[in-house]
Amino acid sequence: MTSIEHKAPRRSLWAKHKIFETNSIILVIGVLLVISIGGLVEIAPLFYLRNTIETVQGLRPYT
């Protein structure tokens, strides 16, 4: 035998995608992860909203 190590062939992108298609639990976990990150991105600016609103005299807000 030679001392050269054999590397495993790299998986293509479609082969990696097939893992998500065949394992529904991994797909559900991935979907929940993506939705939660997207939700945080949408909600985070609302915590800083009061800092960015300028008050205008004579203008009454609806709420």
PDB file of N, CA and C in Angstrom:
ATOM      1  N   MET A   1       0.829  -1.191   0.000  1.00  0.00           N
ATOM      2  CA  MET A   1       0.000   0.000   0.000  1.00  0.00           C
ATOM      3  C   MET A   1       0.866   1.244   0.000  1.00  0.00           C
ATOM      4  N   THR A   2       0.344   2.243  -0.578  1.00  0.00           N
ATOM      5  CA  THR A   2       1.078   3.500  -0.618  1.00  0.00           C
ATOM      6  C   THR A   2       0.710   4.344   0.594  1.00  0.00           C
ATOM      7  N   SER A   3       1.517   5.316   0.857  1.00  0.00           N
ATOM      8  CA  SER A   3       1.269   6.183   2.009  1.00  0.00           C
ATOM      9  C   SER A   3       0.381   7.374   1.655  1.00  0.00           C
ATOM     10  N   ILE A   4      -0.132   7.381   0.443  1.00  0.00           N
ATOM     11  CA  ILE A   4      -1.005   8.471   0.012  1.00  0.00           C
ATOM     12  C   ILE A   4      -2.398   8.223   0.582  1.00  0.00           C
ATOM     13  N   GLU A   5      -2.925   9.231   1.236  1.00  0.00           N
ATOM     14  CA  GLU A   5      -4.262   9.097   1.801  1.00  0.00           C
ATOM     15  C   GLU A   5      -5.292   9.318   0.703  1.00  0.00           C
ATOM     16  N   HIS A   6      -6.331   8.544   0.772  1.00  0.00           N
ATOM     17  CA  HIS A   6      -7.416   8.689  -0.197  1.00  0.00           C
ATOM     18  C   HIS A   6      -8.464   9.610   0.399  1.00  0.00           C
ATOM     19  N   LYS A   7      -8.771  10.651  -0.325  1.00  0.00           N
ATOM     20  CA  LYS A   7      -9.794  11.583   0.127  1.00  0.00           C
ATOM     21  C   LYS A   7     -11.139  11.148  -0.432  1.00  0.00           C
ATOM     22  N   ALA A   8     -12.156  11.336   0.389  1.00  0.00           N
ATOM     23  CA  ALA A   8     -13.503  11.029  -0.069  1.00  0.00           C
ATOM     24  C   ALA A   8     -13.909  12.074  -1.099  1.00  0.00           C
ATOM     25  N   PRO A   9     -14.625  11.674  -2.127  1.00  0.00           N
ATOM     26  CA  PRO A   9     -15.048  12.658  -3.131  1.00  0.00           C
ATOM     27  C   PRO A   9     -16.008  13.675  -2.514  1.00  0.00           C
ATOM     28  N   ARG A  10     -15.879  14.911  -2.965  1.00  0.00           N
ATOM     29  CA  ARG A  10     -16.751  15.966  -2.453  1.00  0.00           C
ATOM     30  C   ARG A  10     -18.155  15.774  -2.996  1.00  0.00           C
ATOM     31  N   ARG A  11     -19.122  16.061  -2.147  1.00  0.00           N
ATOM     32  CA  ARG A  11     -20.514  15.960  -2.578  1.00  0.00           C
ATOM     33  C   ARG A  11     -20.893  17.214  -3.352  1.00  0.00           C
ATOM     34  N   SER A  12     -21.706  17.024  -4.340  1.00  0.00           N
ATOM     35  CA  SER A  12     -22.184  18.184  -5.089  1.00  0.00           C
ATOM     36  C   SER A  12     -23.275  18.881  -4.277  1.00  0.00           C
ATOM     37  N   LEU A  13     -23.653  20.052  -4.722  1.00  0.00           N
ATOM     38  CA  LEU A  13     -24.684  20.812  -4.028  1.00  0.00           C
ATOM     39  C   LEU A  13     -26.015  20.069  -4.057  1.00  0.00           C
ATOM     40  N   TRP A  14     -26.310  19.404  -5.150  1.00  0.00           N
ATOM     41  CA  TRP A  14     -27.564  18.663  -5.252  1.00  0.00           C
ATOM     42  C   TRP A  14     -27.570  17.458  -4.328  1.00  0.00           C
ATOM     43  N   ALA A  15     -26.422  16.846  -4.124  1.00  0.00           N
ATOM     44  CA  ALA A  15     -26.357  15.709  -3.205  1.00  0.00           C
ATOM     45  C   ALA A  15     -26.586  16.174  -1.773  1.00  0.00           C
ATOM     46  N   LYS A  16     -26.072  17.359  -1.431  1.00  0.00           N
ATOM     47  CA  LYS A  16     -26.323  17.902  -0.096  1.00  0.00           C
ATOM     48  C   LYS A  16     -27.786  18.279   0.067  1.00  0.00           C
ATOM     49  N   HIS A  17     -28.387  18.778  -0.995  1.00  0.00           N
ATOM     50  CA  HIS A  17     -29.796  19.164  -0.939  1.00  0.00           C
ATOM     51  C   HIS A  17     -30.687  17.937  -0.774  1.00  0.00           C
ATOM     52  N   LYS A  18     -30.260  16.822  -1.303  1.00  0.00           N
ATOM     53  CA  LYS A  18     -31.054  15.602  -1.201  1.00  0.00           C
ATOM     54  C   LYS A  18     -31.173  15.133   0.248  1.00  0.00           C
ATOM     55  N   ILE A  19     -30.193  15.473   1.079  1.00  0.00           N
ATOM     56  CA  ILE A  19     -30.275  15.128   2.500  1.00  0.00           C
ATOM     57  C   ILE A  19     -31.493  15.794   3.126  1.00  0.00           C
ATOM     58  N   PHE A  20     -31.736  17.060   2.782  1.00  0.00           N
ATOM     59  CA  PHE A  20     -32.903  17.763   3.309  1.00  0.00           C
ATOM     60  C   PHE A  20     -34.199  17.176   2.767  1.00  0.00           C
ATOM     61  N   GLU A  21     -34.183  16.732   1.533  1.00  0.00           N
ATOM     62  CA  GLU A  21     -35.399  16.192   0.937  1.00  0.00           C
ATOM     63  C   GLU A  21     -35.765  14.833   1.519  1.00  0.00           C
ATOM     64  N   THR A  22     -34.780  14.031   1.851  1.00  0.00           N
ATOM     65  CA  THR A  22     -35.075  12.685   2.344  1.00  0.00           C
ATOM     66  C   THR A  22     -35.339  12.652   3.839  1.00  0.00           C
ATOM     67  N   ASN A  23     -34.743  13.546   4.605  1.00  0.00           N
ATOM     68  CA  ASN A  23     -34.948  13.575   6.052  1.00  0.00           C
ATOM     69  C   ASN A  23     -35.852  14.749   6.403  1.00  0.00           C
ATOM     70  N   SER A  24     -37.118  14.447   6.675  1.00  0.00           N
ATOM     71  CA  SER A  24     -38.074  15.525   6.918  1.00  0.00           C
ATOM     72  C   SER A  24     -37.799  16.248   8.235  1.00  0.00           C
ATOM     73  N   ILE A  25     -37.238  15.566   9.216  1.00  0.00           N
ATOM     74  CA  ILE A  25     -36.941  16.218  10.494  1.00  0.00           C
ATOM     75  C   ILE A  25     -35.881  17.306  10.298  1.00  0.00           C
ATOM     76  N   ILE A  26     -34.859  17.001   9.525  1.00  0.00           N
ATOM     77  CA  ILE A  26     -33.813  17.992   9.251  1.00  0.00           C
ATOM     78  C   ILE A  26     -34.405  19.167   8.476  1.00  0.00           C
ATOM     79  N   LEU A  27     -35.319  18.892   7.554  1.00  0.00           N
ATOM     80  CA  LEU A  27     -35.967  19.957   6.793  1.00  0.00           C
ATOM     81  C   LEU A  27     -36.798  20.853   7.709  1.00  0.00           C
ATOM     82  N   VAL A  28     -37.545  20.255   8.633  1.00  0.00           N
ATOM     83  CA  VAL A  28     -38.364  21.037   9.562  1.00  0.00           C
ATOM     84  C   VAL A  28     -37.475  21.901  10.454  1.00  0.00           C
ATOM     85  N   ILE A  29     -36.382  21.335  10.950  1.00  0.00           N
ATOM     86  CA  ILE A  29     -35.456  22.101  11.791  1.00  0.00           C
ATOM     87  C   ILE A  29     -34.849  23.257  10.993  1.00  0.00           C
ATOM     88  N   GLY A  30     -34.491  23.008   9.747  1.00  0.00           N
ATOM     89  CA  GLY A  30     -33.937  24.064   8.907  1.00  0.00           C
ATOM     90  C   GLY A  30     -34.936  25.172   8.638  1.00  0.00           C
ATOM     91  N   VAL A  31     -36.182  24.800   8.370  1.00  0.00           N
ATOM     92  CA  VAL A  31     -37.225  25.798   8.111  1.00  0.00           C
ATOM     93  C   VAL A  31     -37.472  26.637   9.362  1.00  0.00           C
ATOM     94  N   LEU A  32     -37.569  25.996  10.523  1.00  0.00           N
ATOM     95  CA  LEU A  32     -37.787  26.737  11.767  1.00  0.00           C
ATOM     96  C   LEU A  32     -36.623  27.671  12.076  1.00  0.00           C
ATOM     97  N   LEU A  33     -35.430  27.232  11.785  1.00  0.00           N
ATOM     98  CA  LEU A  33     -34.250  28.068  12.016  1.00  0.00           C
ATOM     99  C   LEU A  33     -34.272  29.303  11.117  1.00  0.00           C
ATOM    100  N   VAL A  34     -34.589  29.108   9.849  1.00  0.00           N
ATOM    101  CA  VAL A  34     -34.624  30.234   8.901  1.00  0.00           C
ATOM    102  C   VAL A  34     -35.753  31.203   9.250  1.00  0.00           C
ATOM    103  N   ILE A  35     -36.912  30.683   9.635  1.00  0.00           N
ATOM    104  CA  ILE A  35     -38.038  31.549   9.995  1.00  0.00           C
ATOM    105  C   ILE A  35     -37.731  32.344  11.257  1.00  0.00           C
ATOM    106  N   SER A  36     -37.092  31.708  12.239  1.00  0.00           N
ATOM    107  CA  SER A  36     -36.779  32.427  13.477  1.00  0.00           C
ATOM    108  C   SER A  36     -35.740  33.520  13.244  1.00  0.00           C
ATOM    109  N   ILE A  37     -34.757  33.270  12.413  1.00  0.00           N
ATOM    110  CA  ILE A  37     -33.768  34.309  12.095  1.00  0.00           C
ATOM    111  C   ILE A  37     -34.437  35.461  11.350  1.00  0.00           C
ATOM    112  N   GLY A  38     -35.307  35.143  10.407  1.00  0.00           N
ATOM    113  CA  GLY A  38     -36.027  36.187   9.678  1.00  0.00           C
ATOM    114  C   GLY A  38     -36.936  36.996  10.584  1.00  0.00           C
ATOM    115  N   GLY A  39     -37.576  36.327  11.546  1.00  0.00           N
ATOM    116  CA  GLY A  39     -38.427  37.035  12.499  1.00  0.00           C
ATOM    117  C   GLY A  39     -37.638  37.991  13.371  1.00  0.00           C
ATOM    118  N   LEU A  40     -36.472  37.553  13.817  1.00  0.00           N
ATOM    119  CA  LEU A  40     -35.624  38.430  14.629  1.00  0.00           C
ATOM    120  C   LEU A  40     -35.153  39.645  13.834  1.00  0.00           C
ATOM    121  N   VAL A  41     -34.851  39.435  12.569  1.00  0.00           N
ATOM    122  CA  VAL A  41     -34.416  40.552  11.727  1.00  0.00           C
ATOM    123  C   VAL A  41     -35.547  41.559  11.548  1.00  0.00           C
ATOM    124  N   GLU A  42     -36.784  41.076  11.481  1.00  0.00           N
ATOM    125  CA  GLU A  42     -37.913  41.988  11.310  1.00  0.00           C
ATOM    126  C   GLU A  42     -38.289  42.690  12.610  1.00  0.00           C
ATOM    127  N   ILE A  43     -38.126  42.022  13.751  1.00  0.00           N
ATOM    128  CA  ILE A  43     -38.554  42.576  15.032  1.00  0.00           C
ATOM    129  C   ILE A  43     -37.499  43.493  15.640  1.00  0.00           C
ATOM    130  N   ALA A  44     -36.237  43.214  15.438  1.00  0.00           N
ATOM    131  CA  ALA A  44     -35.161  43.967  16.091  1.00  0.00           C
ATOM    132  C   ALA A  44     -35.241  45.480  15.864  1.00  0.00           C
ATOM    133  N   PRO A  45     -35.551  45.983  14.684  1.00  0.00           N
ATOM    134  CA  PRO A  45     -35.630  47.447  14.521  1.00  0.00           C
ATOM    135  C   PRO A  45     -36.748  48.093  15.335  1.00  0.00           C
ATOM    136  N   LEU A  46     -37.772  47.331  15.708  1.00  0.00           N
ATOM    137  CA  LEU A  46     -38.867  47.912  16.482  1.00  0.00           C
ATOM    138  C   LEU A  46     -38.425  48.329  17.877  1.00  0.00           C
ATOM    139  N   PHE A  47     -37.394  47.710  18.415  1.00  0.00           N
ATOM    140  CA  PHE A  47     -36.900  48.084  19.735  1.00  0.00           C
ATOM    141  C   PHE A  47     -36.181  49.432  19.700  1.00  0.00           C
ATOM    142  N   TYR A  48     -35.697  49.819  18.544  1.00  0.00           N
ATOM    143  CA  TYR A  48     -34.987  51.080  18.394  1.00  0.00           C
ATOM    144  C   TYR A  48     -35.841  52.138  17.698  1.00  0.00           C
ATOM    145  N   LEU A  49     -37.127  51.872  17.546  1.00  0.00           N
ATOM    146  CA  LEU A  49     -37.997  52.760  16.788  1.00  0.00           C
ATOM    147  C   LEU A  49     -38.159  54.115  17.464  1.00  0.00           C
ATOM    148  N   ARG A  50     -38.258  54.153  18.786  1.00  0.00           N
ATOM    149  CA  ARG A  50     -38.449  55.428  19.481  1.00  0.00           C
ATOM    150  C   ARG A  50     -37.238  56.342  19.315  1.00  0.00           C
ATOM    151  N   ASN A  51     -36.089  55.767  19.123  1.00  0.00           N
ATOM    152  CA  ASN A  51     -34.885  56.580  18.938  1.00  0.00           C
ATOM    153  C   ASN A  51     -34.850  57.243  17.564  1.00  0.00           C
ATOM    154  N   THR A  52     -35.566  56.687  16.606  1.00  0.00           N
ATOM    155  CA  THR A  52     -35.475  57.198  15.241  1.00  0.00           C
ATOM    156  C   THR A  52     -36.635  58.106  14.844  1.00  0.00           C
ATOM    157  N   ILE A  53     -37.682  58.176  15.662  1.00  0.00           N
ATOM    158  CA  ILE A  53     -38.848  58.999  15.322  1.00  0.00           C
ATOM    159  C   ILE A  53     -38.642  60.417  15.848  1.00  0.00           C
ATOM    160  N   GLU A  54     -38.811  61.385  14.979  1.00  0.00           N
ATOM    161  CA  GLU A  54     -38.727  62.790  15.383  1.00  0.00           C
ATOM    162  C   GLU A  54     -40.139  63.301  15.656  1.00  0.00           C
ATOM    163  N   THR A  55     -40.293  64.030  16.750  1.00  0.00           N
ATOM    164  CA  THR A  55     -41.610  64.576  17.073  1.00  0.00           C
ATOM    165  C   THR A  55     -41.804  65.900  16.334  1.00  0.00           C
ATOM    166  N   VAL A  56     -43.026  66.103  15.863  1.00  0.00           N
ATOM    167  CA  VAL A  56     -43.374  67.325  15.137  1.00  0.00           C
ATOM    168  C   VAL A  56     -44.446  68.033  15.947  1.00  0.00           C
ATOM    169  N   GLN A  57     -44.223  69.310  16.260  1.00  0.00           N
ATOM    170  CA  GLN A  57     -45.207  70.054  17.036  1.00  0.00           C
ATOM    171  C   GLN A  57     -46.448  70.302  16.197  1.00  0.00           C
ATOM    172  N   GLY A  58     -47.602  70.157  16.858  1.00  0.00           N
ATOM    173  CA  GLY A  58     -48.864  70.376  16.184  1.00  0.00           C
ATOM    174  C   GLY A  58     -49.403  69.140  15.484  1.00  0.00           C
ATOM    175  N   LEU A  59     -48.670  68.053  15.514  1.00  0.00           N
ATOM    176  CA  LEU A  59     -49.108  66.821  14.868  1.00  0.00           C
ATOM    177  C   LEU A  59     -49.509  65.824  15.941  1.00  0.00           C
ATOM    178  N   ARG A  60     -50.749  65.342  15.865  1.00  0.00           N
ATOM    179  CA  ARG A  60     -51.240  64.388  16.845  1.00  0.00           C
ATOM    180  C   ARG A  60     -51.219  62.995  16.219  1.00  0.00           C
ATOM    181  N   PRO A  61     -50.537  62.033  16.830  1.00  0.00           N
ATOM    182  CA  PRO A  61     -50.488  60.688  16.254  1.00  0.00           C
ATOM    183  C   PRO A  61     -51.823  59.969  16.410  1.00  0.00           C
ATOM    184  N   TYR A  62     -52.051  58.976  15.579  1.00  0.00           N
ATOM    185  CA  TYR A  62     -53.289  58.210  15.631  1.00  0.00           C
ATOM    186  C   TYR A  62     -53.400  57.394  16.908  1.00  0.00           C
ATOM    187  N   THR A  63     -52.301  56.931  17.432  1.00  0.00           N
ATOM    188  CA  THR A  63     -52.369  56.067  18.620  1.00  0.00           C
ATOM    189  C   THR A  63     -52.046  56.820  19.876  1.00  0.00           C
TER     190      THR A  63
END
